[in-house]
Amino acid sequence: MLRSMLSFSKPEEEKRTPVKINELIEGILLVMEKQMKEANVRVTTSFSDENPEITASTNQIRQVMLNVIKNAKESMPSGGSSTSERCPATGGF
């Protein structure tokens, strides 16, 4: 019984796969579009032409980006403007 409860409470590690980050962010913004308009928040995007793939858990990176966008919206209770930018990778840290 205890073993089954512990396995239930501990989420399994998700598999990491290639994720196109630009497409992921654009998809989230599309889903959030109505909420952003209702909050009077204007969103602009500026992505480099390259659309790199990152290796990540799709669900986890989607949740992170969704939280970032929601936090931006909630930080502007009177409305405002938010810009999402992704610069090309430079190959280093």
PDB file of N, CA and C in Angstrom:
ATOM      1  N   MET A   1       0.823  -1.191   0.000  1.00  0.00           N
ATOM      2  CA  MET A   1       0.000   0.000   0.000  1.00  0.00           C
ATOM      3  C   MET A   1       0.874   1.265   0.000  1.00  0.00           C
ATOM      4  N   LEU A   2       1.843   1.293   0.908  1.00  0.00           N
ATOM      5  CA  LEU A   2       2.726   2.458   0.993  1.00  0.00           C
ATOM      6  C   LEU A   2       3.490   2.667  -0.304  1.00  0.00           C
ATOM      7  N   ARG A   3       3.966   1.583  -0.884  1.00  0.00           N
ATOM      8  CA  ARG A   3       4.714   1.669  -2.133  1.00  0.00           C
ATOM      9  C   ARG A   3       3.860   2.271  -3.250  1.00  0.00           C
ATOM     10  N   SER A   4       2.598   1.877  -3.334  1.00  0.00           N
ATOM     11  CA  SER A   4       1.729   2.420  -4.379  1.00  0.00           C
ATOM     12  C   SER A   4       1.433   3.891  -4.134  1.00  0.00           C
ATOM     13  N   MET A   5       1.311   4.287  -2.864  1.00  0.00           N
ATOM     14  CA  MET A   5       1.077   5.697  -2.555  1.00  0.00           C
ATOM     15  C   MET A   5       2.297   6.536  -2.922  1.00  0.00           C
ATOM     16  N   LEU A   6       3.492   6.032  -2.636  1.00  0.00           N
ATOM     17  CA  LEU A   6       4.704   6.772  -2.978  1.00  0.00           C
ATOM     18  C   LEU A   6       4.869   6.905  -4.487  1.00  0.00           C
ATOM     19  N   SER A   7       4.559   5.856  -5.223  1.00  0.00           N
ATOM     20  CA  SER A   7       4.694   5.948  -6.678  1.00  0.00           C
ATOM     21  C   SER A   7       3.657   6.887  -7.262  1.00  0.00           C
ATOM     22  N   PHE A   8       2.503   6.995  -6.629  1.00  0.00           N
ATOM     23  CA  PHE A   8       1.472   7.918  -7.100  1.00  0.00           C
ATOM     24  C   PHE A   8       1.873   9.368  -6.851  1.00  0.00           C
ATOM     25  N   SER A   9       2.486   9.629  -5.700  1.00  0.00           N
ATOM     26  CA  SER A   9       2.823  11.004  -5.337  1.00  0.00           C
ATOM     27  C   SER A   9       4.038  11.532  -6.089  1.00  0.00           C
ATOM     28  N   LYS A  10       4.880  10.642  -6.595  1.00  0.00           N
ATOM     29  CA  LYS A  10       6.083  11.066  -7.295  1.00  0.00           C
ATOM     30  C   LYS A  10       5.834  10.985  -8.802  1.00  0.00           C
ATOM     31  N   PRO A  11       5.751  12.134  -9.472  1.00  0.00           N
ATOM     32  CA  PRO A  11       5.516  12.085 -10.916  1.00  0.00           C
ATOM     33  C   PRO A  11       6.694  11.448 -11.644  1.00  0.00           C
ATOM     34  N   GLU A  12       6.371  10.715 -12.689  1.00  0.00           N
ATOM     35  CA  GLU A  12       7.423  10.086 -13.472  1.00  0.00           C
ATOM     36  C   GLU A  12       8.155  11.139 -14.292  1.00  0.00           C
ATOM     37  N   GLU A  13       9.438  10.900 -14.502  1.00  0.00           N
ATOM     38  CA  GLU A  13      10.229  11.809 -15.299  1.00  0.00           C
ATOM     39  C   GLU A  13       9.758  11.741 -16.751  1.00  0.00           C
ATOM     40  N   GLU A  14       9.527  12.898 -17.331  1.00  0.00           N
ATOM     41  CA  GLU A  14       9.058  12.942 -18.707  1.00  0.00           C
ATOM     42  C   GLU A  14      10.228  12.807 -19.667  1.00  0.00           C
ATOM     43  N   LYS A  15       9.944  12.224 -20.794  1.00  0.00           N
ATOM     44  CA  LYS A  15      10.970  12.024 -21.808  1.00  0.00           C
ATOM     45  C   LYS A  15      11.284  13.357 -22.482  1.00  0.00           C
ATOM     46  N   ARG A  16      12.553  13.592 -22.703  1.00  0.00           N
ATOM     47  CA  ARG A  16      12.983  14.814 -23.398  1.00  0.00           C
ATOM     48  C   ARG A  16      13.035  14.539 -24.890  1.00  0.00           C
ATOM     49  N   THR A  17      12.483  15.480 -25.644  1.00  0.00           N
ATOM     50  CA  THR A  17      12.433  15.366 -27.099  1.00  0.00           C
ATOM     51  C   THR A  17      12.789  16.714 -27.712  1.00  0.00           C
ATOM     52  N   PRO A  18      13.109  16.756 -29.005  1.00  0.00           N
ATOM     53  CA  PRO A  18      13.362  18.044 -29.660  1.00  0.00           C
ATOM     54  C   PRO A  18      12.086  18.890 -29.690  1.00  0.00           C
ATOM     55  N   VAL A  19      12.219  20.171 -29.301  1.00  0.00           N
ATOM     56  CA  VAL A  19      11.089  21.102 -29.266  1.00  0.00           C
ATOM     57  C   VAL A  19      11.502  22.363 -30.018  1.00  0.00           C
ATOM     58  N   LYS A  20      10.692  22.788 -30.974  1.00  0.00           N
ATOM     59  CA  LYS A  20      10.943  24.056 -31.665  1.00  0.00           C
ATOM     60  C   LYS A  20      10.382  25.171 -30.789  1.00  0.00           C
ATOM     61  N   ILE A  21      11.273  25.933 -30.187  1.00  0.00           N
ATOM     62  CA  ILE A  21      10.880  26.888 -29.156  1.00  0.00           C
ATOM     63  C   ILE A  21      10.000  28.019 -29.700  1.00  0.00           C
ATOM     64  N   ASN A  22      10.296  28.516 -30.908  1.00  0.00           N
ATOM     65  CA  ASN A  22       9.467  29.586 -31.471  1.00  0.00           C
ATOM     66  C   ASN A  22       8.024  29.130 -31.622  1.00  0.00           C
ATOM     67  N   GLU A  23       7.838  27.935 -32.173  1.00  0.00           N
ATOM     68  CA  GLU A  23       6.494  27.416 -32.387  1.00  0.00           C
ATOM     69  C   GLU A  23       5.775  27.189 -31.064  1.00  0.00           C
ATOM     70  N   LEU A  24       6.499  26.738 -30.061  1.00  0.00           N
ATOM     71  CA  LEU A  24       5.901  26.515 -28.750  1.00  0.00           C
ATOM     72  C   LEU A  24       5.388  27.831 -28.167  1.00  0.00           C
ATOM     73  N   ILE A  25       6.209  28.883 -28.215  1.00  0.00           N
ATOM     74  CA  ILE A  25       5.807  30.188 -27.668  1.00  0.00           C
ATOM     75  C   ILE A  25       4.644  30.764 -28.464  1.00  0.00           C
ATOM     76  N   GLU A  26       4.702  30.679 -29.786  1.00  0.00           N
ATOM     77  CA  GLU A  26       3.607  31.202 -30.604  1.00  0.00           C
ATOM     78  C   GLU A  26       2.299  30.480 -30.305  1.00  0.00           C
ATOM     79  N   GLY A  27       2.369  29.165 -30.077  1.00  0.00           N
ATOM     80  CA  GLY A  27       1.172  28.400 -29.738  1.00  0.00           C
ATOM     81  C   GLY A  27       0.578  28.834 -28.410  1.00  0.00           C
ATOM     82  N   ILE A  28       1.426  29.082 -27.424  1.00  0.00           N
ATOM     83  CA  ILE A  28       0.953  29.543 -26.115  1.00  0.00           C
ATOM     84  C   ILE A  28       0.309  30.914 -26.250  1.00  0.00           C
ATOM     85  N   LEU A  29       0.948  31.802 -27.005  1.00  0.00           N
ATOM     86  CA  LEU A  29       0.385  33.138 -27.192  1.00  0.00           C
ATOM     87  C   LEU A  29      -0.955  33.082 -27.910  1.00  0.00           C
ATOM     88  N   LEU A  30      -1.113  32.164 -28.825  1.00  0.00           N
ATOM     89  CA  LEU A  30      -2.383  31.998 -29.525  1.00  0.00           C
ATOM     90  C   LEU A  30      -3.475  31.565 -28.545  1.00  0.00           C
ATOM     91  N   VAL A  31      -3.152  30.628 -27.670  1.00  0.00           N
ATOM     92  CA  VAL A  31      -4.118  30.160 -26.666  1.00  0.00           C
ATOM     93  C   VAL A  31      -4.455  31.274 -25.677  1.00  0.00           C
ATOM     94  N   MET A  32      -3.476  32.098 -25.342  1.00  0.00           N
ATOM     95  CA  MET A  32      -3.664  33.167 -24.350  1.00  0.00           C
ATOM     96  C   MET A  32      -4.210  34.468 -24.952  1.00  0.00           C
ATOM     97  N   GLU A  33      -4.376  34.521 -26.266  1.00  0.00           N
ATOM     98  CA  GLU A  33      -4.739  35.761 -26.953  1.00  0.00           C
ATOM     99  C   GLU A  33      -5.982  36.429 -26.356  1.00  0.00           C
ATOM    100  N   LYS A  34      -7.042  35.686 -26.134  1.00  0.00           N
ATOM    101  CA  LYS A  34      -8.276  36.267 -25.604  1.00  0.00           C
ATOM    102  C   LYS A  34      -8.056  36.844 -24.208  1.00  0.00           C
ATOM    103  N   GLN A  35      -7.363  36.104 -23.347  1.00  0.00           N
ATOM    104  CA  GLN A  35      -7.096  36.589 -21.987  1.00  0.00           C
ATOM    105  C   GLN A  35      -6.261  37.866 -22.008  1.00  0.00           C
ATOM    106  N   MET A  36      -5.285  37.910 -22.920  1.00  0.00           N
ATOM    107  CA  MET A  36      -4.435  39.099 -23.007  1.00  0.00           C
ATOM    108  C   MET A  36      -5.249  40.311 -23.467  1.00  0.00           C
ATOM    109  N   LYS A  37      -6.127  40.106 -24.440  1.00  0.00           N
ATOM    110  CA  LYS A  37      -6.967  41.216 -24.919  1.00  0.00           C
ATOM    111  C   LYS A  37      -7.887  41.704 -23.816  1.00  0.00           C
ATOM    112  N   GLU A  38      -8.500  40.766 -23.083  1.00  0.00           N
ATOM    113  CA  GLU A  38      -9.392  41.147 -21.985  1.00  0.00           C
ATOM    114  C   GLU A  38      -8.659  41.920 -20.905  1.00  0.00           C
ATOM    115  N   ALA A  39      -7.375  41.630 -20.715  1.00  0.00           N
ATOM    116  CA  ALA A  39      -6.564  42.326 -19.710  1.00  0.00           C
ATOM    117  C   ALA A  39      -5.931  43.592 -20.281  1.00  0.00           C
ATOM    118  N   ASN A  40      -6.239  43.893 -21.534  1.00  0.00           N
ATOM    119  CA  ASN A  40      -5.693  45.065 -22.212  1.00  0.00           C
ATOM    120  C   ASN A  40      -4.163  45.027 -22.273  1.00  0.00           C
ATOM    121  N   VAL A  41      -3.637  43.828 -22.525  1.00  0.00           N
ATOM    122  CA  VAL A  41      -2.198  43.641 -22.663  1.00  0.00           C
ATOM    123  C   VAL A  41      -1.900  43.320 -24.119  1.00  0.00           C
ATOM    124  N   ARG A  42      -1.056  44.148 -24.724  1.00  0.00           N
ATOM    125  CA  ARG A  42      -0.661  43.948 -26.121  1.00  0.00           C
ATOM    126  C   ARG A  42       0.652  43.179 -26.133  1.00  0.00           C
ATOM    127  N   VAL A  43       0.680  42.111 -26.921  1.00  0.00           N
ATOM    128  CA  VAL A  43       1.869  41.269 -26.990  1.00  0.00           C
ATOM    129  C   VAL A  43       2.482  41.379 -28.378  1.00  0.00           C
ATOM    130  N   THR A  44       3.781  41.624 -28.420  1.00  0.00           N
ATOM    131  CA  THR A  44       4.507  41.595 -29.686  1.00  0.00           C
ATOM    132  C   THR A  44       5.613  40.558 -29.560  1.00  0.00           C
ATOM    133  N   THR A  45       5.951  39.961 -30.693  1.00  0.00           N
ATOM    134  CA  THR A  45       7.020  38.967 -30.693  1.00  0.00           C
ATOM    135  C   THR A  45       8.105  39.387 -31.670  1.00  0.00           C
ATOM    136  N   SER A  46       9.307  38.996 -31.360  1.00  0.00           N
ATOM    137  CA  SER A  46      10.448  39.250 -32.234  1.00  0.00           C
ATOM    138  C   SER A  46      11.382  38.060 -32.109  1.00  0.00           C
ATOM    139  N   PHE A  47      11.273  37.150 -33.069  1.00  0.00           N
ATOM    140  CA  PHE A  47      12.106  35.959 -33.061  1.00  0.00           C
ATOM    141  C   PHE A  47      13.099  36.049 -34.210  1.00  0.00           C
ATOM    142  N   SER A  48      14.283  35.500 -34.003  1.00  0.00           N
ATOM    143  CA  SER A  48      15.229  35.433 -35.110  1.00  0.00           C
ATOM    144  C   SER A  48      14.681  34.458 -36.144  1.00  0.00           C
ATOM    145  N   ASP A  49      15.203  34.525 -37.356  1.00  0.00           N
ATOM    146  CA  ASP A  49      14.701  33.684 -38.438  1.00  0.00           C
ATOM    147  C   ASP A  49      14.940  32.202 -38.187  1.00  0.00           C
ATOM    148  N   GLU A  50      16.006  31.887 -37.488  1.00  0.00           N
ATOM    149  CA  GLU A  50      16.243  30.477 -37.208  1.00  0.00           C
ATOM    150  C   GLU A  50      15.269  30.020 -36.119  1.00  0.00           C
ATOM    151  N   ASN A  51      14.797  28.799 -36.247  1.00  0.00           N
ATOM    152  CA  ASN A  51      13.865  28.238 -35.275  1.00  0.00           C
ATOM    153  C   ASN A  51      14.501  26.987 -34.687  1.00  0.00           C
ATOM    154  N   PRO A  52      15.397  27.177 -33.732  1.00  0.00           N
ATOM    155  CA  PRO A  52      16.164  26.031 -33.237  1.00  0.00           C
ATOM    156  C   PRO A  52      15.305  25.071 -32.436  1.00  0.00           C
ATOM    157  N   GLU A  53      15.789  23.859 -32.378  1.00  0.00           N
ATOM    158  CA  GLU A  53      15.171  22.864 -31.523  1.00  0.00           C
ATOM    159  C   GLU A  53      15.990  22.791 -30.241  1.00  0.00           C
ATOM    160  N   ILE A  54      15.284  22.686 -29.138  1.00  0.00           N
ATOM    161  CA  ILE A  54      15.944  22.423 -27.873  1.00  0.00           C
ATOM    162  C   ILE A  54      15.486  21.042 -27.426  1.00  0.00           C
ATOM    163  N   THR A  55      16.278  20.393 -26.619  1.00  0.00           N
ATOM    164  CA  THR A  55      15.881  19.099 -26.089  1.00  0.00           C
ATOM    165  C   THR A  55      15.318  19.325 -24.705  1.00  0.00           C
ATOM    166  N   ALA A  56      14.018  19.031 -24.569  1.00  0.00           N
ATOM    167  CA  ALA A  56      13.341  19.294 -23.304  1.00  0.00           C
ATOM    168  C   ALA A  56      12.083  18.445 -23.206  1.00  0.00           C
ATOM    169  N   SER A  57      11.533  18.408 -22.028  1.00  0.00           N
ATOM    170  CA  SER A  57      10.213  17.821 -21.844  1.00  0.00           C
ATOM    171  C   SER A  57       9.216  18.850 -22.378  1.00  0.00           C
ATOM    172  N   THR A  58       8.475  18.481 -23.406  1.00  0.00           N
ATOM    173  CA  THR A  58       7.541  19.425 -24.029  1.00  0.00           C
ATOM    174  C   THR A  58       6.559  19.978 -23.016  1.00  0.00           C
ATOM    175  N   ASN A  59       5.990  19.125 -22.184  1.00  0.00           N
ATOM    176  CA  ASN A  59       5.010  19.591 -21.208  1.00  0.00           C
ATOM    177  C   ASN A  59       5.628  20.524 -20.179  1.00  0.00           C
ATOM    178  N   GLN A  60       6.838  20.221 -19.731  1.00  0.00           N
ATOM    179  CA  GLN A  60       7.466  21.072 -18.722  1.00  0.00           C
ATOM    180  C   GLN A  60       7.861  22.425 -19.296  1.00  0.00           C
ATOM    181  N   ILE A  61       8.443  22.457 -20.488  1.00  0.00           N
ATOM    182  CA  ILE A  61       8.850  23.746 -21.063  1.00  0.00           C
ATOM    183  C   ILE A  61       7.617  24.573 -21.438  1.00  0.00           C
ATOM    184  N   ARG A  62       6.555  23.900 -21.861  1.00  0.00           N
ATOM    185  CA  ARG A  62       5.300  24.613 -22.148  1.00  0.00           C
ATOM    186  C   ARG A  62       4.759  25.243 -20.870  1.00  0.00           C
ATOM    187  N   GLN A  63       4.793  24.521 -19.765  1.00  0.00           N
ATOM    188  CA  GLN A  63       4.304  25.055 -18.499  1.00  0.00           C
ATOM    189  C   GLN A  63       5.152  26.230 -18.025  1.00  0.00           C
ATOM    190  N   VAL A  64       6.466  26.133 -18.182  1.00  0.00           N
ATOM    191  CA  VAL A  64       7.351  27.243 -17.801  1.00  0.00           C
ATOM    192  C   VAL A  64       7.022  28.497 -18.605  1.00  0.00           C
ATOM    193  N   MET A  65       6.915  28.343 -19.935  1.00  0.00           N
ATOM    194  CA  MET A  65       6.641  29.505 -20.783  1.00  0.00           C
ATOM    195  C   MET A  65       5.243  30.069 -20.519  1.00  0.00           C
ATOM    196  N   LEU A  66       4.277  29.200 -20.280  1.00  0.00           N
ATOM    197  CA  LEU A  66       2.927  29.650 -19.946  1.00  0.00           C
ATOM    198  C   LEU A  66       2.952  30.469 -18.659  1.00  0.00           C
ATOM    199  N   ASN A  67       3.692  30.006 -17.657  1.00  0.00           N
ATOM    200  CA  ASN A  67       3.800  30.749 -16.396  1.00  0.00           C
ATOM    201  C   ASN A  67       4.462  32.102 -16.592  1.00  0.00           C
ATOM    202  N   VAL A  68       5.499  32.168 -17.415  1.00  0.00           N
ATOM    203  CA  VAL A  68       6.177  33.444 -17.681  1.00  0.00           C
ATOM    204  C   VAL A  68       5.197  34.429 -18.320  1.00  0.00           C
ATOM    205  N   ILE A  69       4.427  33.957 -19.299  1.00  0.00           N
ATOM    206  CA  ILE A  69       3.477  34.828 -19.999  1.00  0.00           C
ATOM    207  C   ILE A  69       2.343  35.250 -19.065  1.00  0.00           C
ATOM    208  N   LYS A  70       1.836  34.314 -18.270  1.00  0.00           N
ATOM    209  CA  LYS A  70       0.781  34.668 -17.315  1.00  0.00           C
ATOM    210  C   LYS A  70       1.294  35.657 -16.276  1.00  0.00           C
ATOM    211  N   ASN A  71       2.525  35.472 -15.806  1.00  0.00           N
ATOM    212  CA  ASN A  71       3.106  36.411 -14.841  1.00  0.00           C
ATOM    213  C   ASN A  71       3.232  37.804 -15.446  1.00  0.00           C
ATOM    214  N   ALA A  72       3.610  37.863 -16.718  1.00  0.00           N
ATOM    215  CA  ALA A  72       3.709  39.168 -17.388  1.00  0.00           C
ATOM    216  C   ALA A  72       2.346  39.841 -17.425  1.00  0.00           C
ATOM    217  N   LYS A  73       1.315  39.073 -17.765  1.00  0.00           N
ATOM    218  CA  LYS A  73      -0.048  39.625 -17.822  1.00  0.00           C
ATOM    219  C   LYS A  73      -0.486  40.112 -16.441  1.00  0.00           C
ATOM    220  N   GLU A  74      -0.263  39.295 -15.424  1.00  0.00           N
ATOM    221  CA  GLU A  74      -0.702  39.649 -14.077  1.00  0.00           C
ATOM    222  C   GLU A  74       0.090  40.805 -13.478  1.00  0.00           C
ATOM    223  N   SER A  75       1.283  41.066 -14.002  1.00  0.00           N
ATOM    224  CA  SER A  75       2.081  42.177 -13.485  1.00  0.00           C
ATOM    225  C   SER A  75       1.620  43.520 -14.050  1.00  0.00           C
ATOM    226  N   MET A  76       0.651  43.474 -14.973  1.00  0.00           N
ATOM    227  CA  MET A  76       0.125  44.702 -15.577  1.00  0.00           C
ATOM    228  C   MET A  76      -1.389  44.768 -15.366  1.00  0.00           C
ATOM    229  N   PRO A  77      -1.843  45.007 -14.134  1.00  0.00           N
ATOM    230  CA  PRO A  77      -3.283  44.993 -13.864  1.00  0.00           C
ATOM    231  C   PRO A  77      -4.053  46.062 -14.622  1.00  0.00           C
ATOM    232  N   SER A  78      -3.385  47.113 -15.054  1.00  0.00           N
ATOM    233  CA  SER A  78      -4.055  48.168 -15.821  1.00  0.00           C
ATOM    234  C   SER A  78      -3.780  48.047 -17.310  1.00  0.00           C
ATOM    235  N   GLY A  79      -3.231  46.927 -17.722  1.00  0.00           N
ATOM    236  CA  GLY A  79      -2.891  46.740 -19.137  1.00  0.00           C
ATOM    237  C   GLY A  79      -1.479  47.203 -19.405  1.00  0.00           C
ATOM    238  N   GLY A  80      -1.049  46.988 -20.621  1.00  0.00           N
ATOM    239  CA  GLY A  80       0.298  47.397 -20.991  1.00  0.00           C
ATOM    240  C   GLY A  80       0.770  46.659 -22.210  1.00  0.00           C
ATOM    241  N   SER A  81       2.068  46.568 -22.356  1.00  0.00           N
ATOM    242  CA  SER A  81       2.677  45.949 -23.524  1.00  0.00           C
ATOM    243  C   SER A  81       3.750  44.967 -23.080  1.00  0.00           C
ATOM    244  N   SER A  82       3.787  43.815 -23.744  1.00  0.00           N
ATOM    245  CA  SER A  82       4.774  42.791 -23.449  1.00  0.00           C
ATOM    246  C   SER A  82       5.434  42.374 -24.753  1.00  0.00           C
ATOM    247  N   THR A  83       6.754  42.266 -24.745  1.00  0.00           N
ATOM    248  CA  THR A  83       7.484  41.840 -25.936  1.00  0.00           C
ATOM    249  C   THR A  83       8.207  40.544 -25.633  1.00  0.00           C
ATOM    250  N   SER A  84       8.005  39.562 -26.506  1.00  0.00           N
ATOM    251  CA  SER A  84       8.719  38.286 -26.398  1.00  0.00           C
ATOM    252  C   SER A  84       9.782  38.260 -27.472  1.00  0.00           C
ATOM    253  N   GLU A  85      11.047  38.158 -27.093  1.00  0.00           N
ATOM    254  CA  GLU A  85      12.141  38.118 -28.028  1.00  0.00           C
ATOM    255  C   GLU A  85      12.947  36.848 -27.837  1.00  0.00           C
ATOM    256  N   ARG A  86      13.440  36.329 -28.935  1.00  0.00           N
ATOM    257  CA  ARG A  86      14.365  35.210 -28.871  1.00  0.00           C
ATOM    258  C   ARG A  86      15.471  35.525 -29.851  1.00  0.00           C
ATOM    259  N   CYS A  87      16.663  35.653 -29.330  1.00  0.00           N
ATOM    260  CA  CYS A  87      17.823  35.998 -30.147  1.00  0.00           C
ATOM    261  C   CYS A  87      18.500  34.726 -30.633  1.00  0.00           C
ATOM    262  N   PRO A  88      19.237  34.821 -31.728  1.00  0.00           N
ATOM    263  CA  PRO A  88      19.946  33.627 -32.208  1.00  0.00           C
ATOM    264  C   PRO A  88      20.980  33.162 -31.209  1.00  0.00           C
ATOM    265  N   ALA A  89      21.197  31.870 -31.176  1.00  0.00           N
ATOM    266  CA  ALA A  89      22.198  31.297 -30.282  1.00  0.00           C
ATOM    267  C   ALA A  89      23.577  31.705 -30.739  1.00  0.00           C
ATOM    268  N   THR A  90      24.469  31.937 -29.784  1.00  0.00           N
ATOM    269  CA  THR A  90      25.825  32.349 -30.116  1.00  0.00           C
ATOM    270  C   THR A  90      26.802  31.187 -30.013  1.00  0.00           C
ATOM    271  N   GLY A  91      26.328  30.063 -29.547  1.00  0.00           N
ATOM    272  CA  GLY A  91      27.207  28.906 -29.433  1.00  0.00           C
ATOM    273  C   GLY A  91      27.992  28.851 -28.152  1.00  0.00           C
ATOM    274  N   GLY A  92      27.696  29.715 -27.221  1.00  0.00           N
ATOM    275  CA  GLY A  92      28.423  29.700 -25.951  1.00  0.00           C
ATOM    276  C   GLY A  92      27.558  30.226 -24.829  1.00  0.00           C
ATOM    277  N   PHE A  93      28.150  30.278 -23.651  1.00  0.00           N
ATOM    278  CA  PHE A  93      27.417  30.764 -22.482  1.00  0.00           C
ATOM    279  C   PHE A  93      27.818  32.183 -22.185  1.00  0.00           C
TER     280      PHE A  93
END
